[in-house]
Amino acid sequence: MFSSDQELSTYIEEDHPEWEIKNGFVFFQKAKDSQPCKEIPSLQLINQTLSYARELERIV
């Protein structure tokens, strides 16, 4: 993507100052901690989908 290390360094300095170059490696900023993912209520979704399917079957 870049023809030289200098081009890469310039790109990082201008567009991604949170990235670091150490010993020839690029270190990206750690992802920000977000709220923990909530569990998907799979059984509830299955029951709801089956209920919709039964209702559609009654209509048809």
N, C-alpha and C. Protein backbone atom coordinates (compact mmCIF):
# COMPACT_ATOMS: atom_id res chain seq x y z
N MET A 1 0.83 -1.18 0.00
CA MET A 1 0.00 0.00 0.00
C MET A 1 0.88 1.25 0.00
N PHE A 2 1.97 1.21 0.70
CA PHE A 2 2.89 2.34 0.74
C PHE A 2 4.21 1.92 0.09
N SER A 3 4.80 2.83 -0.66
CA SER A 3 6.03 2.47 -1.36
C SER A 3 7.27 2.62 -0.49
N SER A 4 7.14 3.28 0.66
CA SER A 4 8.31 3.43 1.53
C SER A 4 7.85 3.57 2.99
N ASP A 5 8.80 3.34 3.88
CA ASP A 5 8.51 3.50 5.31
C ASP A 5 8.21 4.96 5.64
N GLN A 6 8.84 5.87 4.93
CA GLN A 6 8.61 7.30 5.17
C GLN A 6 7.17 7.68 4.81
N GLU A 7 6.66 7.10 3.72
CA GLU A 7 5.28 7.36 3.32
C GLU A 7 4.32 6.87 4.40
N LEU A 8 4.60 5.70 4.93
CA LEU A 8 3.78 5.14 6.00
C LEU A 8 3.84 6.03 7.23
N SER A 9 5.02 6.46 7.61
CA SER A 9 5.20 7.32 8.78
C SER A 9 4.43 8.63 8.62
N THR A 10 4.50 9.21 7.44
CA THR A 10 3.78 10.46 7.18
C THR A 10 2.28 10.25 7.30
N TYR A 11 1.79 9.15 6.73
CA TYR A 11 0.36 8.84 6.80
C TYR A 11 -0.09 8.70 8.25
N ILE A 12 0.69 7.97 9.03
CA ILE A 12 0.33 7.76 10.43
C ILE A 12 0.35 9.07 11.21
N GLU A 13 1.37 9.88 11.00
CA GLU A 13 1.46 11.16 11.71
C GLU A 13 0.29 12.08 11.38
N GLU A 14 -0.12 12.09 10.12
CA GLU A 14 -1.18 13.00 9.70
C GLU A 14 -2.58 12.49 9.99
N ASP A 15 -2.80 11.21 9.73
CA ASP A 15 -4.17 10.69 9.81
C ASP A 15 -4.48 9.86 11.05
N HIS A 16 -3.46 9.29 11.66
CA HIS A 16 -3.69 8.41 12.82
C HIS A 16 -2.63 8.64 13.89
N PRO A 17 -2.66 9.79 14.54
CA PRO A 17 -1.63 10.08 15.55
C PRO A 17 -1.69 9.15 16.76
N GLU A 18 -2.80 8.42 16.93
CA GLU A 18 -2.90 7.50 18.07
C GLU A 18 -2.13 6.20 17.82
N TRP A 19 -1.74 5.94 16.57
CA TRP A 19 -0.93 4.77 16.24
C TRP A 19 0.53 5.06 16.56
N GLU A 20 1.30 4.01 16.84
CA GLU A 20 2.72 4.17 17.15
C GLU A 20 3.55 3.24 16.28
N ILE A 21 4.76 3.69 15.94
CA ILE A 21 5.70 2.83 15.23
C ILE A 21 6.87 2.57 16.18
N LYS A 22 7.10 1.30 16.49
CA LYS A 22 8.20 0.89 17.36
C LYS A 22 8.89 -0.30 16.74
N ASN A 23 10.20 -0.21 16.58
CA ASN A 23 11.01 -1.31 16.05
C ASN A 23 10.47 -1.87 14.74
N GLY A 24 9.95 -0.99 13.89
CA GLY A 24 9.46 -1.42 12.58
C GLY A 24 8.06 -2.01 12.59
N PHE A 25 7.38 -1.96 13.72
CA PHE A 25 6.02 -2.48 13.83
C PHE A 25 5.07 -1.32 14.09
N VAL A 26 3.86 -1.44 13.57
CA VAL A 26 2.83 -0.42 13.82
C VAL A 26 1.93 -0.96 14.92
N PHE A 27 1.78 -0.18 15.98
CA PHE A 27 0.91 -0.54 17.09
C PHE A 27 -0.32 0.35 17.04
N PHE A 28 -1.47 -0.30 16.95
CA PHE A 28 -2.72 0.42 16.86
C PHE A 28 -3.25 0.69 18.25
N GLN A 29 -4.05 1.73 18.36
CA GLN A 29 -4.64 2.08 19.65
C GLN A 29 -5.58 0.96 20.07
N LYS A 30 -5.53 0.62 21.32
CA LYS A 30 -6.41 -0.40 21.85
C LYS A 30 -7.85 0.08 21.73
N ALA A 31 -8.73 -0.83 21.38
CA ALA A 31 -10.14 -0.48 21.25
C ALA A 31 -10.66 0.01 22.59
N LYS A 32 -11.49 1.00 22.53
CA LYS A 32 -12.05 1.55 23.76
C LYS A 32 -12.99 0.54 24.38
N ASP A 33 -12.94 0.48 25.69
CA ASP A 33 -13.84 -0.44 26.38
C ASP A 33 -15.25 0.09 26.25
N SER A 34 -16.10 -0.75 25.75
CA SER A 34 -17.50 -0.36 25.62
C SER A 34 -18.30 -1.15 26.64
N GLN A 35 -19.56 -0.86 26.67
CA GLN A 35 -20.41 -1.59 27.59
C GLN A 35 -20.42 -3.05 27.19
N PRO A 36 -20.46 -3.92 28.17
CA PRO A 36 -20.46 -5.35 27.84
C PRO A 36 -21.68 -5.70 26.99
N CYS A 37 -21.49 -6.64 26.10
CA CYS A 37 -22.59 -7.06 25.23
C CYS A 37 -23.66 -7.75 26.07
N LYS A 38 -24.87 -7.43 25.73
CA LYS A 38 -25.97 -8.08 26.43
C LYS A 38 -26.25 -9.40 25.73
N GLU A 39 -26.70 -10.36 26.50
CA GLU A 39 -27.03 -11.65 25.93
C GLU A 39 -28.30 -11.55 25.11
N ILE A 40 -28.33 -12.28 24.03
CA ILE A 40 -29.52 -12.30 23.19
C ILE A 40 -30.50 -13.30 23.79
N PRO A 41 -31.71 -12.88 24.03
CA PRO A 41 -32.69 -13.80 24.62
C PRO A 41 -33.18 -14.79 23.56
N SER A 42 -32.34 -15.79 23.27
CA SER A 42 -32.61 -16.70 22.15
C SER A 42 -33.91 -17.49 22.32
N LEU A 43 -34.16 -18.00 23.50
CA LEU A 43 -35.40 -18.76 23.68
C LEU A 43 -36.63 -17.88 23.47
N GLN A 44 -36.57 -16.67 23.94
CA GLN A 44 -37.68 -15.74 23.75
C GLN A 44 -37.88 -15.44 22.26
N LEU A 45 -36.78 -15.24 21.53
CA LEU A 45 -36.88 -14.99 20.10
C LEU A 45 -37.44 -16.19 19.35
N ILE A 46 -37.01 -17.38 19.72
CA ILE A 46 -37.53 -18.59 19.08
C ILE A 46 -39.03 -18.72 19.32
N ASN A 47 -39.44 -18.53 20.55
CA ASN A 47 -40.87 -18.64 20.88
C ASN A 47 -41.68 -17.58 20.14
N GLN A 48 -41.18 -16.39 20.06
CA GLN A 48 -41.88 -15.32 19.36
C GLN A 48 -41.98 -15.61 17.87
N THR A 49 -40.91 -16.11 17.27
CA THR A 49 -40.91 -16.46 15.85
C THR A 49 -41.88 -17.59 15.56
N LEU A 50 -41.91 -18.60 16.42
CA LEU A 50 -42.85 -19.70 16.24
C LEU A 50 -44.29 -19.22 16.39
N SER A 51 -44.49 -18.30 17.30
CA SER A 51 -45.82 -17.73 17.48
C SER A 51 -46.26 -16.98 16.22
N TYR A 52 -45.37 -16.20 15.64
CA TYR A 52 -45.68 -15.48 14.39
C TYR A 52 -45.98 -16.48 13.28
N ALA A 53 -45.21 -17.56 13.21
CA ALA A 53 -45.43 -18.56 12.17
C ALA A 53 -46.80 -19.21 12.32
N ARG A 54 -47.20 -19.50 13.56
CA ARG A 54 -48.53 -20.09 13.80
C ARG A 54 -49.62 -19.12 13.38
N GLU A 55 -49.46 -17.85 13.70
CA GLU A 55 -50.45 -16.84 13.32
C GLU A 55 -50.56 -16.73 11.80
N LEU A 56 -49.41 -16.74 11.11
CA LEU A 56 -49.43 -16.68 9.64
C LEU A 56 -50.11 -17.93 9.06
N GLU A 57 -49.85 -19.07 9.68
CA GLU A 57 -50.46 -20.31 9.21
C GLU A 57 -51.98 -20.24 9.34
N ARG A 58 -52.46 -19.64 10.39
CA ARG A 58 -53.91 -19.50 10.60
C ARG A 58 -54.54 -18.59 9.56
N ILE A 59 -53.79 -17.54 9.19
CA ILE A 59 -54.31 -16.59 8.21
C ILE A 59 -54.41 -17.25 6.84
N VAL A 60 -53.40 -18.04 6.51
CA VAL A 60 -53.35 -18.67 5.18
C VAL A 60 -54.14 -19.94 5.24
